N, C-alpha and C. Protein backbone atom coordinates (compact mmCIF):
# COMPACT_ATOMS: atom_id res chain seq x y z
N UNK A 1 92.15 82.08 91.98
CA UNK A 1 92.58 80.73 92.86
C UNK A 1 92.37 81.09 94.17
N UNK A 2 91.29 80.13 95.45
CA UNK A 2 91.46 80.37 95.98
C UNK A 2 92.24 78.92 97.15
N UNK A 3 92.70 79.81 98.46
CA UNK A 3 93.43 78.18 98.88
C UNK A 3 92.79 77.92 100.17
N UNK A 4 93.09 77.74 101.23
CA UNK A 4 92.05 77.95 102.08
C UNK A 4 91.65 78.30 102.81
N UNK A 5 90.84 79.05 103.30
CA UNK A 5 89.71 79.94 104.03
C UNK A 5 90.16 80.25 105.20
N UNK A 6 90.56 81.62 105.49
CA UNK A 6 91.01 82.00 106.96
C UNK A 6 92.14 81.74 107.51
N UNK A 7 93.32 81.19 106.79
CA UNK A 7 94.45 80.51 107.30
C UNK A 7 95.70 81.68 106.54
N UNK A 8 95.47 82.56 106.10
CA UNK A 8 96.61 83.65 104.96
C UNK A 8 97.32 84.36 106.12
N UNK A 9 98.42 84.39 105.81
CA UNK A 9 98.88 85.20 107.53
C UNK A 9 99.08 86.36 106.90
N UNK A 10 98.73 86.97 106.11
CA UNK A 10 98.77 88.36 105.50
C UNK A 10 98.13 89.71 106.36
N UNK A 11 99.11 90.37 106.73
CA UNK A 11 98.28 91.22 107.90
C UNK A 11 98.59 92.94 107.56
N UNK A 12 97.84 93.91 107.83
CA UNK A 12 97.58 95.12 107.00
C UNK A 12 98.20 96.02 108.47
N UNK A 13 99.05 96.84 108.69
CA UNK A 13 99.10 98.25 109.53
C UNK A 13 98.45 99.20 109.00
N UNK A 14 97.24 99.42 109.24
CA UNK A 14 97.08 100.45 108.44
C UNK A 14 97.38 102.06 108.59
N UNK A 15 98.04 102.30 109.56
CA UNK A 15 98.86 103.24 110.14
C UNK A 15 99.95 103.57 109.35
N UNK A 16 101.00 102.49 109.41
CA UNK A 16 101.77 102.55 108.36
C UNK A 16 101.71 102.83 107.29
N UNK A 17 100.48 102.62 106.67
CA UNK A 17 100.51 102.63 104.93
C UNK A 17 100.42 104.20 104.56
N UNK A 18 101.52 104.73 103.57
CA UNK A 18 101.13 105.72 103.46
C UNK A 18 100.73 106.18 101.97
N UNK A 19 100.40 105.04 101.16
CA UNK A 19 99.25 105.28 100.27
C UNK A 19 100.23 105.33 98.62
N UNK A 20 101.59 104.84 99.00
CA UNK A 20 102.33 104.70 97.74
C UNK A 20 101.56 103.50 97.06
N UNK A 21 101.13 102.89 97.60
CA UNK A 21 100.57 101.53 96.42
C UNK A 21 101.49 100.92 95.60
N UNK A 22 102.84 100.59 95.90
CA UNK A 22 103.62 99.96 95.44
C UNK A 22 103.13 98.28 95.15
N UNK A 23 102.59 97.76 96.43
CA UNK A 23 102.14 96.63 96.69
C UNK A 23 101.02 95.90 95.63
N UNK A 24 99.91 97.52 95.56
CA UNK A 24 99.21 96.78 94.11
C UNK A 24 99.73 96.56 93.09
N UNK A 25 100.99 96.99 92.73
CA UNK A 25 101.86 96.47 91.56
C UNK A 25 102.65 95.28 90.98
N UNK A 26 102.65 94.76 92.78
CA UNK A 26 103.49 93.18 92.84
C UNK A 26 102.56 92.42 93.28
N UNK A 27 101.42 92.57 93.87
CA UNK A 27 100.90 91.39 93.64
C UNK A 27 99.91 90.50 92.87
N UNK A 28 100.42 89.41 92.56
CA UNK A 28 99.98 88.59 91.35
C UNK A 28 98.32 87.86 91.36
N UNK A 29 97.76 87.96 92.66
CA UNK A 29 96.58 88.01 92.62
C UNK A 29 95.51 88.54 92.94
N UNK A 30 95.63 90.50 92.97
CA UNK A 30 94.78 91.04 93.11
C UNK A 30 94.17 91.39 94.37
N UNK A 31 95.19 90.88 95.95
CA UNK A 31 94.40 90.57 96.74
C UNK A 31 94.30 92.03 97.63
N UNK A 32 94.94 92.91 96.94
CA UNK A 32 94.85 94.12 97.48
C UNK A 32 94.30 95.37 96.66
N UNK A 33 93.79 96.19 96.75
CA UNK A 33 93.08 97.45 96.16
C UNK A 33 93.02 98.65 97.27
N UNK A 34 93.22 99.88 96.13
CA UNK A 34 93.39 101.19 96.97
C UNK A 34 91.75 101.59 97.16
N UNK A 35 91.87 102.25 98.60
CA UNK A 35 90.84 102.61 99.42
C UNK A 35 91.29 103.89 99.98
N UNK A 36 90.27 105.04 99.81
CA UNK A 36 90.97 106.49 99.81
C UNK A 36 92.28 106.89 100.38
N UNK A 37 92.83 106.39 99.09
CA UNK A 37 94.31 106.75 99.12
C UNK A 37 95.40 105.51 99.66
N UNK A 38 94.78 104.82 100.60
CA UNK A 38 95.57 103.87 101.12
C UNK A 38 95.30 102.47 100.49
N UNK A 39 96.09 101.71 100.43
CA UNK A 39 95.75 99.86 100.52
C UNK A 39 94.74 99.29 101.66
N UNK A 40 94.27 98.77 101.19
CA UNK A 40 93.49 97.33 101.94
C UNK A 40 93.29 96.12 101.21
N UNK A 41 92.80 95.41 102.16
CA UNK A 41 92.98 93.88 101.95
C UNK A 41 91.74 93.59 101.19
N UNK A 42 91.37 93.27 99.69
CA UNK A 42 90.19 93.12 98.73
C UNK A 42 89.97 91.74 99.18
N UNK A 43 91.00 90.91 99.21
CA UNK A 43 90.57 89.19 98.81
C UNK A 43 91.48 88.47 99.86
N UNK A 44 91.53 88.33 101.19
CA UNK A 44 92.57 87.71 101.60
C UNK A 44 93.11 86.37 101.25
N UNK A 45 92.04 85.59 101.50
CA UNK A 45 91.88 84.32 100.97
C UNK A 45 92.47 83.89 99.34
N UNK A 46 92.66 84.95 98.55
CA UNK A 46 93.31 84.81 97.30
C UNK A 46 94.64 85.04 97.40
N UNK A 47 95.54 85.28 98.18
CA UNK A 47 96.58 85.31 98.77
C UNK A 47 97.62 83.90 98.92
N UNK A 48 98.67 84.02 98.09
CA UNK A 48 99.39 82.31 97.95
C UNK A 48 100.39 82.87 98.54
N UNK A 49 100.62 83.73 99.70
CA UNK A 49 101.45 83.89 100.37
C UNK A 49 102.89 84.21 100.28
N UNK A 50 103.21 84.69 98.90
CA UNK A 50 104.37 85.01 98.15
C UNK A 50 105.65 86.01 99.19
N UNK A 51 104.96 87.14 99.56
CA UNK A 51 105.42 88.10 99.83
C UNK A 51 106.07 89.11 99.30
N UNK A 52 105.70 89.19 98.15
CA UNK A 52 105.87 90.34 97.26
C UNK A 52 105.53 91.76 97.68
N UNK A 53 104.47 91.55 98.22
CA UNK A 53 103.96 92.89 99.31
C UNK A 53 104.26 93.49 100.06
N UNK A 54 105.08 92.68 100.98
CA UNK A 54 105.68 93.01 102.03
C UNK A 54 106.81 93.59 102.19
N UNK A 55 107.38 92.89 100.86
CA UNK A 55 109.08 93.44 100.41
C UNK A 55 109.37 94.51 100.02
N UNK A 56 108.35 94.85 99.03
CA UNK A 56 108.16 96.21 98.46
C UNK A 56 107.80 97.31 99.02
N UNK A 57 107.14 96.83 100.11
CA UNK A 57 106.64 97.57 101.03
C UNK A 57 107.38 98.45 101.96
N UNK A 58 108.57 99.71 101.62
CA UNK A 58 108.79 100.57 102.27
C UNK A 58 108.68 101.19 103.56
N UNK A 59 107.37 101.08 104.27
CA UNK A 59 107.03 101.69 105.18
C UNK A 59 106.46 100.67 106.28
N UNK A 60 106.96 99.20 105.92
CA UNK A 60 106.46 97.97 106.80
C UNK A 60 104.59 98.15 107.15
N UNK A 61 104.14 98.59 106.26
CA UNK A 61 102.82 98.36 106.12
C UNK A 61 102.27 96.82 106.15
N UNK A 62 102.77 96.31 105.51
CA UNK A 62 101.94 94.84 105.05
C UNK A 62 103.41 93.66 105.77
N UNK A 63 102.88 92.36 106.12
CA UNK A 63 103.52 91.54 106.91
C UNK A 63 102.88 90.10 106.27
N UNK A 64 103.70 89.56 105.78
CA UNK A 64 103.36 87.93 105.34
C UNK A 64 104.27 86.91 105.70
N UNK A 65 103.93 85.91 106.29
CA UNK A 65 104.96 84.90 106.16
C UNK A 65 105.05 83.88 104.66
N UNK A 66 106.30 84.45 103.78
CA UNK A 66 106.13 84.27 102.61
C UNK A 66 106.59 82.66 102.56
N UNK A 67 106.53 81.61 102.38
CA UNK A 67 106.35 79.72 101.87
C UNK A 67 105.87 79.12 103.04
N UNK A 68 104.72 79.97 103.67
CA UNK A 68 104.22 78.93 104.48
C UNK A 68 102.94 78.78 103.90
N UNK A 69 101.79 77.80 104.65
CA UNK A 69 100.71 77.82 104.15
C UNK A 69 100.02 77.16 102.66
N UNK A 70 99.59 77.46 101.94
CA UNK A 70 99.23 77.04 100.49
C UNK A 70 100.14 77.22 99.74
N UNK A 71 100.57 78.12 99.65
CA UNK A 71 101.67 78.55 98.67
C UNK A 71 102.60 78.03 98.55
N UNK A 72 102.85 76.98 100.00
CA UNK A 72 104.05 76.53 99.87
C UNK A 72 103.86 75.17 99.83
N UNK A 73 102.58 75.06 100.04
CA UNK A 73 102.21 73.28 99.68
C UNK A 73 101.61 73.11 98.39
N UNK A 74 101.21 74.49 97.43
CA UNK A 74 101.59 74.18 96.10
C UNK A 74 102.89 74.20 95.68
N UNK A 75 103.64 75.02 95.92
CA UNK A 75 105.26 74.61 95.38
C UNK A 75 105.88 73.31 95.50
N UNK A 76 106.16 72.85 97.04
CA UNK A 76 105.94 71.45 96.86
C UNK A 76 105.18 70.59 96.20
N UNK A 77 103.98 70.81 96.21
CA UNK A 77 103.57 69.76 95.24
C UNK A 77 103.91 69.49 93.71
N UNK A 78 104.54 70.91 93.30
CA UNK A 78 105.04 70.75 91.97
C UNK A 78 106.05 70.21 91.64
N UNK A 79 106.87 69.98 92.80
CA UNK A 79 108.54 69.47 92.92
C UNK A 79 108.51 68.38 93.31
N UNK A 80 107.09 67.56 93.56
CA UNK A 80 107.34 66.24 94.27
C UNK A 80 106.50 65.17 93.47
N UNK A 81 104.94 65.00 93.69
CA UNK A 81 104.18 64.24 93.19
C UNK A 81 102.91 64.93 92.51
N UNK A 82 102.62 66.65 92.80
CA UNK A 82 102.06 67.59 91.43
C UNK A 82 100.88 67.80 92.34
N UNK A 83 100.62 66.92 93.58
CA UNK A 83 99.05 67.57 93.93
C UNK A 83 99.76 68.32 95.40
N UNK A 84 99.20 68.96 95.93
CA UNK A 84 99.46 70.16 96.81
C UNK A 84 98.87 69.85 98.33
N UNK A 85 99.37 69.68 98.98
CA UNK A 85 98.75 69.46 100.58
C UNK A 85 99.00 70.71 101.35
N UNK A 86 97.51 71.33 101.60
CA UNK A 86 97.67 72.18 102.57
C UNK A 86 97.39 71.85 104.27
N UNK A 87 97.71 70.84 104.29
CA UNK A 87 97.11 70.10 105.92
C UNK A 87 98.76 70.21 106.56
């Protein structure tokens, strides 16, 4: 599933990544990949901004504003009328 293009708050500070790759295990949409023994962002627009990657990174290499953007809109839509509002 894709949300809106180029609006995801996911950021990677490559210099902080040690290659533990915990983030790969917790990302529900395969946004991240392993590259040269470290993590890389494979598909930023597939990120639902759940925050699992950043909460599980012991080195703070990943950051995301969980609960904003389309992930929040989809969740809110499920609790309201069923339709997401990404605006």
